[in-house]
């Protein structure tokens, strides 16, 4: 029988793949970002954010603060990588989101699972030139098309279990032509697995795009159903499930980040189910991935966690970085 031995959660922000001196390059892009939402969830411009913020984030612009937060993130990811080495998984289930890397507006499933033998990453076409995104492409395994091993037998069992649990799941047996899986998956392989050839099952949640984003409560139930399906599979495998993405971005929302992490640490599903969807916009929507894995890990204690709010502009843009391991 398959054994779901542990779960982990990690942010996958581009800021984690570049020296803080390059964060200003990303900050400049914030001024043109049309996916900014303030702390109430209202869609705003960068200038509106800047006006709202006043001098609230002035202390966050200190280069020493940036370096300290970056080092916190690096040590946390090193710890997660060491945890994976210790756990010796035979399969990773990565719960991530697709940002028009595999799907697009012509077909955007709420939930999907890849169950083929091998899958590949896409490339970051149209990324701005510069040192920042050169590093990011490599760190996301999106500098070229890279192939990785799937786990078809286990993945099919998970899909079957989800259907029996009344989840109408999209299934992918091959990577669609002219596409590739995105940063939510390549980041985990490159940063946490390194050279270890562990088979990976990509699980896709539509966190970003209306109108069919699953509610946090549905995500929690989805994760719980995944766990039951894994444990019912006759495949002999040690399985680790990963939440990839988040926490809040492109505007840092420390309140919603800490509310999420506190609920996970306290094993309290009610606040997770009731997270306000109006504050899960654009990048912060990836918190749904964490809620799903929390559902898969329900009843288990958290071994450790870390949080680092990484701001990059006076407007409060940046990313709330979260790292966590369930026991």
Protein backbone atom coordinates (compact mmCIF):
# COMPACT_ATOMS: atom_id res chain seq x y z
CA UNK A 1 0.00 0.00 0.00
CA UNK A 2 1.12 3.54 -0.67
CA UNK A 3 2.09 5.55 2.40
CA UNK A 4 1.63 9.33 2.59
CA UNK A 5 4.62 9.90 4.84
CA UNK A 6 4.68 13.71 5.09
CA UNK A 7 3.81 17.05 3.55
CA UNK A 8 5.70 20.26 2.96
CA UNK A 9 4.84 23.77 1.80
CA UNK A 10 7.08 26.32 0.14
CA UNK A 11 6.83 29.61 -1.67
CA UNK A 12 8.26 29.62 -5.20
CA UNK A 13 8.68 33.34 -5.83
CA UNK A 14 11.24 34.56 -8.38
CA UNK A 15 12.74 36.53 -5.48
CA UNK A 16 13.95 33.22 -4.04
CA UNK A 17 16.07 32.57 -7.11
CA UNK A 18 17.96 35.85 -7.28
CA UNK A 19 20.27 37.87 -5.09
CA UNK A 20 18.39 40.68 -3.27
CA UNK A 21 20.37 43.26 -5.24
CA UNK A 22 18.28 42.17 -8.25
CA UNK A 23 14.95 42.63 -6.48
CA UNK A 24 14.87 46.21 -7.72
CA UNK A 25 14.59 44.84 -11.26
CA UNK A 26 11.43 43.01 -10.19
CA UNK A 27 10.25 46.08 -8.28
CA UNK A 28 10.39 48.14 -11.46
CA UNK A 29 8.00 45.68 -13.10
CA UNK A 30 5.52 46.20 -10.26
CA UNK A 31 4.85 49.71 -11.54
CA UNK A 32 3.35 48.20 -14.71
CA UNK A 33 1.68 45.20 -13.08
CA UNK A 34 -2.06 45.10 -13.80
CA UNK A 35 -2.70 42.33 -11.26
CA UNK A 36 -2.28 44.36 -8.08
CA UNK A 37 -4.87 44.19 -5.28
CA UNK A 38 -4.79 46.10 -2.02
CA UNK A 39 -5.24 44.54 1.42
CA UNK A 40 -9.03 44.53 1.03
CA UNK A 41 -8.83 42.70 -2.31
CA UNK A 42 -9.68 45.75 -4.40
CA UNK A 43 -8.03 45.92 -7.83
CA UNK A 44 -5.70 48.94 -7.82
CA UNK A 45 -2.84 50.58 -9.68
CA UNK A 46 0.67 50.82 -8.32
CA UNK A 47 0.24 54.56 -7.76
CA UNK A 48 -2.92 53.94 -5.75
CA UNK A 49 -1.05 51.43 -3.60
CA UNK A 50 1.76 53.91 -3.09
CA UNK A 51 -0.69 56.57 -1.96
CA UNK A 52 -2.40 54.16 0.45
CA UNK A 53 0.90 53.03 1.94
CA UNK A 54 2.40 56.41 2.81
CA UNK A 55 5.61 55.66 4.73
CA UNK A 56 4.32 52.39 6.21
CA UNK A 57 6.95 50.29 4.46
CA UNK A 58 9.92 52.66 4.61
CA UNK A 59 11.80 50.49 7.13
CA UNK A 60 11.34 47.47 4.85
CA UNK A 61 13.49 49.07 2.14
CA UNK A 62 16.71 48.73 4.13
CA UNK A 63 19.16 46.50 2.15
CA UNK A 64 20.12 44.77 5.39
CA UNK A 65 16.47 43.81 5.97
CA UNK A 66 16.31 42.41 2.43
CA UNK A 67 19.46 40.36 3.00
CA UNK A 68 18.27 39.03 6.37
CA UNK A 69 14.89 37.97 4.96
CA UNK A 70 16.59 36.38 1.96
CA UNK A 71 18.90 34.36 4.20
CA UNK A 72 15.91 33.21 6.25
CA UNK A 73 14.34 31.95 3.04
CA UNK A 74 17.53 30.24 1.87
CA UNK A 75 18.03 28.40 5.16
CA UNK A 76 14.36 27.36 5.17
CA UNK A 77 14.60 25.90 1.67
CA UNK A 78 17.84 24.15 2.57
CA UNK A 79 16.03 22.63 5.53
CA UNK A 80 13.16 21.45 3.32
CA UNK A 81 15.66 19.90 0.90
CA UNK A 82 17.32 18.09 3.82
CA UNK A 83 13.91 16.92 5.03
CA UNK A 84 13.18 15.41 1.62
CA UNK A 85 16.52 13.61 1.70
CA UNK A 86 15.61 12.20 5.11
CA UNK A 87 12.09 11.23 4.03
CA UNK A 88 13.32 9.25 0.98
CA UNK A 89 10.11 9.66 -1.05
CA UNK A 90 9.44 7.35 -3.97
CA UNK A 91 6.94 9.85 -5.39
CA UNK A 92 6.23 13.56 -4.95
CA UNK A 93 2.72 14.91 -5.45
CA UNK A 94 3.09 18.64 -6.18
CA UNK A 95 -0.03 20.75 -5.74
CA UNK A 96 0.51 23.86 -7.84
CA UNK A 97 -1.35 26.17 -10.16
CA UNK A 98 -1.18 26.67 -13.89
CA UNK A 99 -0.66 30.21 -15.18
CA UNK A 100 -1.44 29.67 -18.85
CA UNK A 101 1.51 27.31 -19.14
CA UNK A 102 -0.54 24.19 -19.95
CA UNK A 103 -4.09 25.55 -20.02
CA UNK A 104 -5.57 28.82 -21.26
CA UNK A 105 -8.92 30.59 -21.46
CA UNK A 106 -10.18 28.11 -24.07
CA UNK A 107 -10.03 25.34 -21.44
CA UNK A 108 -9.35 26.05 -17.77
CA UNK A 109 -10.18 23.07 -15.52
CA UNK A 110 -10.68 23.81 -11.84
CA UNK A 111 -8.61 20.74 -10.92
CA UNK A 112 -6.37 18.44 -12.92
CA UNK A 113 -3.81 15.65 -12.47
CA UNK A 114 -1.10 14.38 -14.80
CA UNK A 115 -1.01 10.58 -14.92
CA UNK A 116 1.31 9.91 -17.84
CA UNK A 117 4.76 8.34 -17.80
CA UNK A 118 6.79 11.48 -18.52
CA UNK A 119 6.00 15.20 -18.51
CA UNK A 120 7.94 18.28 -19.54
CA UNK A 121 8.32 21.88 -18.51
CA UNK A 122 7.57 24.83 -20.74
CA UNK A 123 9.76 27.82 -21.47
CA UNK A 124 9.32 31.39 -20.26
CA UNK A 125 8.55 33.02 -23.57
CA UNK A 126 8.29 36.79 -23.43
CA UNK A 127 10.07 37.19 -20.09
CA UNK A 128 11.72 40.60 -19.75
CA UNK A 129 15.45 40.59 -20.58
CA UNK A 130 17.94 40.94 -17.78
CA UNK A 131 19.92 39.11 -15.13
CA UNK A 132 16.88 38.69 -12.87
CA UNK A 133 14.83 36.59 -15.28
CA UNK A 134 17.86 34.73 -16.60
CA UNK A 135 18.28 33.32 -13.08
CA UNK A 136 14.56 32.70 -12.73
CA UNK A 137 14.27 30.70 -15.96
CA UNK A 138 16.99 28.31 -14.82
CA UNK A 139 15.58 28.00 -11.30
CA UNK A 140 12.14 27.15 -12.65
CA UNK A 141 13.52 24.60 -15.17
CA UNK A 142 11.95 26.83 -17.82
CA UNK A 143 15.14 27.83 -19.60
CA UNK A 144 14.36 24.96 -22.00
CA UNK A 145 11.97 22.01 -22.25
CA UNK A 146 13.03 19.51 -19.58
CA UNK A 147 11.49 16.05 -19.20
CA UNK A 148 10.72 14.48 -15.83
CA UNK A 149 9.44 11.11 -14.70
CA UNK A 150 5.81 10.76 -13.64
CA UNK A 151 4.20 8.04 -11.52
CA UNK A 152 1.36 6.80 -13.75
CA UNK A 153 0.10 3.92 -11.65
CA UNK A 154 -0.20 5.93 -8.43
CA UNK A 155 -1.54 8.99 -10.27
CA UNK A 156 -4.26 6.91 -11.89
CA UNK A 157 -5.22 5.49 -8.51
CA UNK A 158 -5.48 9.02 -7.13
CA UNK A 159 -7.69 10.10 -10.03
CA UNK A 160 -9.93 7.05 -9.53
CA UNK A 161 -10.21 7.78 -5.82
CA UNK A 162 -11.10 11.40 -6.49
CA UNK A 163 -13.81 10.43 -8.96
CA UNK A 164 -15.24 8.02 -6.38
CA UNK A 165 -15.22 10.95 -3.93
CA UNK A 166 -17.28 12.92 -6.48
CA UNK A 167 -14.52 15.21 -7.73
CA UNK A 168 -14.85 15.73 -11.48
CA UNK A 169 -11.15 15.82 -12.16
CA UNK A 170 -9.41 16.71 -15.42
CA UNK A 171 -6.75 14.17 -16.38
CA UNK A 172 -3.68 14.59 -18.58
CA UNK A 173 -1.82 11.56 -19.93
CA UNK A 174 0.58 13.64 -22.05
CA UNK A 175 1.89 17.18 -21.99
CA UNK A 176 -0.25 19.10 -24.52
CA UNK A 177 1.61 20.11 -27.72
CA UNK A 178 3.43 23.44 -27.67
CA UNK A 179 3.05 23.74 -23.90
CA UNK A 180 4.81 22.61 -20.76
CA UNK A 181 4.27 22.53 -17.03
CA UNK A 182 5.28 25.69 -15.23
CA UNK A 183 7.21 27.15 -12.37
CA UNK A 184 5.12 25.57 -9.60
CA UNK A 185 6.66 22.21 -10.52
CA UNK A 186 10.09 23.05 -11.92
CA UNK A 187 10.98 25.09 -8.84
CA UNK A 188 10.43 22.16 -6.48
CA UNK A 189 12.56 19.84 -8.60
CA UNK A 190 15.42 22.28 -9.13
CA UNK A 191 15.55 23.79 -5.63
CA UNK A 192 14.50 20.97 -3.32
CA UNK A 193 15.30 17.74 -5.17
CA UNK A 194 18.48 18.76 -6.93
CA UNK A 195 19.95 15.74 -8.67
CA UNK A 196 17.68 13.15 -7.04
CA UNK A 197 15.47 11.55 -9.74
CA UNK A 198 12.21 11.29 -7.77
CA UNK A 199 9.06 10.75 -9.89
CA UNK A 200 6.66 13.69 -9.69
CA UNK A 201 2.88 13.85 -10.17
CA UNK A 202 1.77 17.40 -11.07
CA UNK A 203 -1.59 18.31 -9.50
CA UNK A 204 -3.11 21.50 -10.88
CA UNK A 205 -5.52 23.83 -9.10
CA UNK A 206 -6.99 26.80 -10.93
CA UNK A 207 -6.23 29.31 -8.21
CA UNK A 208 -5.83 32.34 -10.50
CA UNK A 209 -8.56 32.60 -13.07
CA UNK A 210 -12.28 33.32 -12.56
CA UNK A 211 -14.95 32.14 -12.78
CA UNK A 212 -14.17 28.54 -11.71
CA UNK A 213 -11.64 28.91 -8.91
CA UNK A 214 -12.35 26.32 -6.20
CA UNK A 215 -13.31 27.76 -2.82
CA UNK A 216 -10.88 27.26 0.07
CA UNK A 217 -13.32 24.77 1.58
CA UNK A 218 -13.42 22.77 -1.64
CA UNK A 219 -9.61 22.84 -1.77
CA UNK A 220 -9.43 21.44 1.76
CA UNK A 221 -11.79 18.61 0.85
CA UNK A 222 -9.80 18.00 -2.34
CA UNK A 223 -6.62 17.51 -0.33
CA UNK A 224 -8.34 15.19 2.12
CA UNK A 225 -9.65 13.10 -0.78
CA UNK A 226 -6.16 12.94 -2.31
CA UNK A 227 -4.79 11.58 0.97
CA UNK A 228 -7.47 8.88 1.14
CA UNK A 229 -6.83 7.91 -2.47
CA UNK A 230 -3.08 7.62 -1.88
CA UNK A 231 -3.53 5.48 1.22
CA UNK A 232 -5.94 3.20 -0.67
CA UNK A 233 -3.54 2.65 -3.58
CA UNK A 234 -1.87 -0.78 -3.76
CA UNK A 235 1.29 0.84 -5.17
CA UNK A 236 4.22 0.27 -2.81
CA UNK A 237 5.54 3.82 -2.45
CA UNK A 238 6.54 6.40 0.11
CA UNK A 239 4.70 9.56 -0.94
CA UNK A 240 5.28 13.19 0.02
CA UNK A 241 2.78 15.89 -0.93
CA UNK A 242 3.97 19.45 -1.59
CA UNK A 243 2.14 22.80 -1.55
CA UNK A 244 3.91 25.01 -4.11
CA UNK A 245 3.39 28.76 -4.21
CA UNK A 246 2.14 31.69 -2.18
CA UNK A 247 1.91 33.12 0.17
CA UNK A 248 0.53 36.62 -0.46
CA UNK A 249 1.72 38.47 -3.55
CA UNK A 250 2.05 40.68 -5.51
CA UNK A 251 1.15 42.81 -2.48
CA UNK A 252 2.34 41.43 0.85
CA UNK A 253 -0.59 40.71 3.19
CA UNK A 254 0.97 39.60 6.44
CA UNK A 255 -2.40 39.24 8.13
CA UNK A 256 -3.78 36.66 5.69
CA UNK A 257 -0.43 34.85 5.57
CA UNK A 258 -0.20 34.49 9.34
CA UNK A 259 -3.88 33.59 9.59
CA UNK A 260 -3.22 30.73 7.16
CA UNK A 261 -0.06 29.52 8.88
CA UNK A 262 -1.58 29.77 12.37
CA UNK A 263 -4.59 27.69 11.28
CA UNK A 264 -2.29 25.06 9.78
CA UNK A 265 -0.08 24.95 12.87
CA UNK A 266 -3.16 24.66 15.11
CA UNK A 267 -4.68 21.95 12.89
CA UNK A 268 -7.80 24.10 12.69
CA UNK A 269 -9.63 23.56 9.42
CA UNK A 270 -12.42 26.09 10.03
CA UNK A 271 -10.32 29.25 9.44
CA UNK A 272 -8.81 27.63 6.34
CA UNK A 273 -12.21 26.79 4.92
CA UNK A 274 -13.39 30.34 5.64
CA UNK A 275 -10.45 32.29 4.21
CA UNK A 276 -11.90 35.39 2.50
CA UNK A 277 -11.76 34.75 -1.24
CA UNK A 278 -11.66 38.49 -2.00
CA UNK A 279 -8.17 38.51 -0.45
CA UNK A 280 -7.00 35.47 -2.41
CA UNK A 281 -6.39 37.42 -5.60
CA UNK A 282 -3.61 37.08 -8.21
CA UNK A 283 -0.55 35.52 -6.53
CA UNK A 284 -2.19 35.28 -3.11
CA UNK A 285 -4.65 32.86 -4.71
CA UNK A 286 -1.90 30.21 -4.43
CA UNK A 287 -2.72 29.98 -0.73
CA UNK A 288 -5.37 27.56 -1.99
CA UNK A 289 -2.53 25.10 -2.73
CA UNK A 290 -1.54 25.23 0.94
CA UNK A 291 -5.15 24.72 2.02
CA UNK A 292 -5.37 21.61 -0.17
CA UNK A 293 -2.23 20.10 1.33
CA UNK A 294 -3.45 21.03 4.82
CA UNK A 295 -6.53 18.94 3.99
CA UNK A 296 -4.28 16.05 3.00
CA UNK A 297 -2.37 16.44 6.27
CA UNK A 298 -5.37 16.89 8.55
CA UNK A 299 -4.71 15.55 12.02
CA UNK A 300 -0.93 15.75 11.67
CA UNK A 301 1.24 18.13 13.65
CA UNK A 302 3.54 20.67 12.04
CA UNK A 303 7.20 19.83 12.62
CA UNK A 304 8.41 23.37 11.86
CA UNK A 305 7.52 26.49 9.92
CA UNK A 306 9.05 29.82 8.91
CA UNK A 307 7.67 33.07 7.53
CA UNK A 308 9.48 36.01 5.92
CA UNK A 309 7.57 38.99 4.48
CA UNK A 310 9.80 40.16 1.62
CA UNK A 311 8.88 43.67 0.49
CA UNK A 312 10.48 45.28 -2.54
CA UNK A 313 8.74 48.68 -2.91
CA UNK A 314 7.33 51.44 -0.76
CA UNK A 315 3.90 50.47 -2.11
CA UNK A 316 4.09 47.16 -0.22
CA UNK A 317 4.63 44.92 -3.22
CA UNK A 318 6.64 41.76 -2.77
CA UNK A 319 5.87 38.28 -1.49
CA UNK A 320 5.05 36.74 1.85
CA UNK A 321 7.36 33.72 1.91
CA UNK A 322 6.19 30.62 3.75
CA UNK A 323 7.97 27.35 4.49
CA UNK A 324 6.55 24.46 6.48
CA UNK A 325 6.85 20.75 7.12
CA UNK A 326 4.15 18.52 8.50
CA UNK A 327 5.33 15.64 10.71
